């Protein structure tokens, strides 16, 4: 599963941007499909780096990749 770099709302869904072979790749996912995958559309828009994209299945999932910088921010 590849980490989602960012997301942007587009029409009745979300563009999910992730990295493949060093290049950014964008995949459109409709709100209906996000609901089917049990993904909160508002959360993926607000916290895209907590999600991953499976290029084989085309599914998005909550994975909460560890972000060391978040730990440093909490300690400061």
C-alpha atoms as a PDB file:
ATOM      1  CA  UNK A   1       0.000   0.000   0.000  1.00  0.00           C
ATOM      2  CA  UNK A   2       1.362   3.403  -1.018  1.00  0.00           C
ATOM      3  CA  UNK A   3       1.033   6.426   1.222  1.00  0.00           C
ATOM      4  CA  UNK A   4      -1.410   9.066   0.011  1.00  0.00           C
ATOM      5  CA  UNK A   5       0.475  12.337  -0.456  1.00  0.00           C
ATOM      6  CA  UNK A   6      -2.501  14.653  -0.729  1.00  0.00           C
ATOM      7  CA  UNK A   7      -6.137  14.778  -1.752  1.00  0.00           C
ATOM      8  CA  UNK A   8      -8.424  17.309  -3.364  1.00  0.00           C
ATOM      9  CA  UNK A   9     -12.173  17.382  -3.706  1.00  0.00           C
ATOM     10  CA  UNK A  10     -13.364  17.060  -7.274  1.00  0.00           C
ATOM     11  CA  UNK A  11     -17.059  17.006  -8.154  1.00  0.00           C
ATOM     12  CA  UNK A  12     -18.680  14.042  -6.436  1.00  0.00           C
ATOM     13  CA  UNK A  13     -15.435  12.498  -5.241  1.00  0.00           C
ATOM     14  CA  UNK A  14     -11.799  12.919  -4.328  1.00  0.00           C
ATOM     15  CA  UNK A  15      -8.577  12.960  -6.331  1.00  0.00           C
ATOM     16  CA  UNK A  16      -6.071  10.846  -4.421  1.00  0.00           C
ATOM     17  CA  UNK A  17      -2.417  11.641  -5.136  1.00  0.00           C
ATOM     18  CA  UNK A  18       0.193   8.976  -4.391  1.00  0.00           C
ATOM     19  CA  UNK A  19       3.709   8.179  -5.571  1.00  0.00           C
ATOM     20  CA  UNK A  20       4.659   5.456  -8.052  1.00  0.00           C
ATOM     21  CA  UNK A  21       8.189   5.027  -9.392  1.00  0.00           C
ATOM     22  CA  UNK A  22       9.174   8.479  -8.135  1.00  0.00           C
ATOM     23  CA  UNK A  23       6.288  10.212  -9.900  1.00  0.00           C
ATOM     24  CA  UNK A  24       3.031  11.525  -8.504  1.00  0.00           C
ATOM     25  CA  UNK A  25       0.015   9.571  -9.702  1.00  0.00           C
ATOM     26  CA  UNK A  26      -3.573  10.764  -9.332  1.00  0.00           C
ATOM     27  CA  UNK A  27      -6.554   8.460  -8.993  1.00  0.00           C
ATOM     28  CA  UNK A  28     -10.153   9.645  -8.782  1.00  0.00           C
ATOM     29  CA  UNK A  29     -12.345   7.947  -6.152  1.00  0.00           C
ATOM     30  CA  UNK A  30     -16.060   8.752  -5.956  1.00  0.00           C
ATOM     31  CA  UNK A  31     -17.757   9.452  -2.630  1.00  0.00           C
ATOM     32  CA  UNK A  32     -19.886   6.345  -3.178  1.00  0.00           C
ATOM     33  CA  UNK A  33     -16.769   4.193  -3.565  1.00  0.00           C
ATOM     34  CA  UNK A  34     -15.190   5.772  -0.465  1.00  0.00           C
ATOM     35  CA  UNK A  35     -18.323   4.886   1.505  1.00  0.00           C
ATOM     36  CA  UNK A  36     -18.185   1.326   0.153  1.00  0.00           C
ATOM     37  CA  UNK A  37     -14.563   1.127   1.373  1.00  0.00           C
ATOM     38  CA  UNK A  38     -15.664   2.554   4.746  1.00  0.00           C
ATOM     39  CA  UNK A  39     -13.470   5.622   4.321  1.00  0.00           C
ATOM     40  CA  UNK A  40     -14.619   8.923   5.809  1.00  0.00           C
ATOM     41  CA  UNK A  41     -14.440  11.416   2.934  1.00  0.00           C
ATOM     42  CA  UNK A  42     -13.942  14.422   5.226  1.00  0.00           C
ATOM     43  CA  UNK A  43     -11.121  12.684   7.074  1.00  0.00           C
ATOM     44  CA  UNK A  44      -9.220  11.684   3.938  1.00  0.00           C
ATOM     45  CA  UNK A  45      -9.498  15.289   2.735  1.00  0.00           C
ATOM     46  CA  UNK A  46      -8.254  16.655   6.089  1.00  0.00           C
ATOM     47  CA  UNK A  47      -5.662  13.946   6.868  1.00  0.00           C
ATOM     48  CA  UNK A  48      -4.550  12.389   3.583  1.00  0.00           C
ATOM     49  CA  UNK A  49      -1.214  11.113   4.913  1.00  0.00           C
ATOM     50  CA  UNK A  50      -3.072   8.800   7.311  1.00  0.00           C
ATOM     51  CA  UNK A  51      -4.299   6.806   4.307  1.00  0.00           C
ATOM     52  CA  UNK A  52      -2.789   4.439   1.811  1.00  0.00           C
ATOM     53  CA  UNK A  53      -3.672   3.524  -1.747  1.00  0.00           C
ATOM     54  CA  UNK A  54      -3.477  -0.070  -2.973  1.00  0.00           C
ATOM     55  CA  UNK A  55      -2.630   0.163  -6.653  1.00  0.00           C
ATOM     56  CA  UNK A  56      -3.555  -3.476  -7.309  1.00  0.00           C
ATOM     57  CA  UNK A  57      -7.117  -3.210  -5.994  1.00  0.00           C
ATOM     58  CA  UNK A  58      -7.621   0.536  -6.425  1.00  0.00           C
ATOM     59  CA  UNK A  59      -8.741   0.781  -2.807  1.00  0.00           C
ATOM     60  CA  UNK A  60      -7.990   3.384  -0.191  1.00  0.00           C
ATOM     61  CA  UNK A  61      -7.588   2.475   3.460  1.00  0.00           C
ATOM     62  CA  UNK A  62      -6.719   4.037   6.804  1.00  0.00           C
ATOM     63  CA  UNK A  63      -3.162   3.045   7.648  1.00  0.00           C
ATOM     64  CA  UNK A  64      -1.837   5.911   9.812  1.00  0.00           C
ATOM     65  CA  UNK A  65       1.734   5.803   8.530  1.00  0.00           C
ATOM     66  CA  UNK A  66       4.095   6.894  11.290  1.00  0.00           C
ATOM     67  CA  UNK A  67       5.096  10.529  10.923  1.00  0.00           C
ATOM     68  CA  UNK A  68       8.165  11.195  13.133  1.00  0.00           C
ATOM     69  CA  UNK A  69       7.698  14.946  12.694  1.00  0.00           C
ATOM     70  CA  UNK A  70       4.303  14.670  14.421  1.00  0.00           C
ATOM     71  CA  UNK A  71       6.004  13.199  17.490  1.00  0.00           C
ATOM     72  CA  UNK A  72       8.498  16.075  17.596  1.00  0.00           C
ATOM     73  CA  UNK A  73       5.672  18.633  17.312  1.00  0.00           C
ATOM     74  CA  UNK A  74       3.858  17.063  20.265  1.00  0.00           C
ATOM     75  CA  UNK A  75       6.988  17.195  22.432  1.00  0.00           C
ATOM     76  CA  UNK A  76       7.625  20.880  21.759  1.00  0.00           C
END
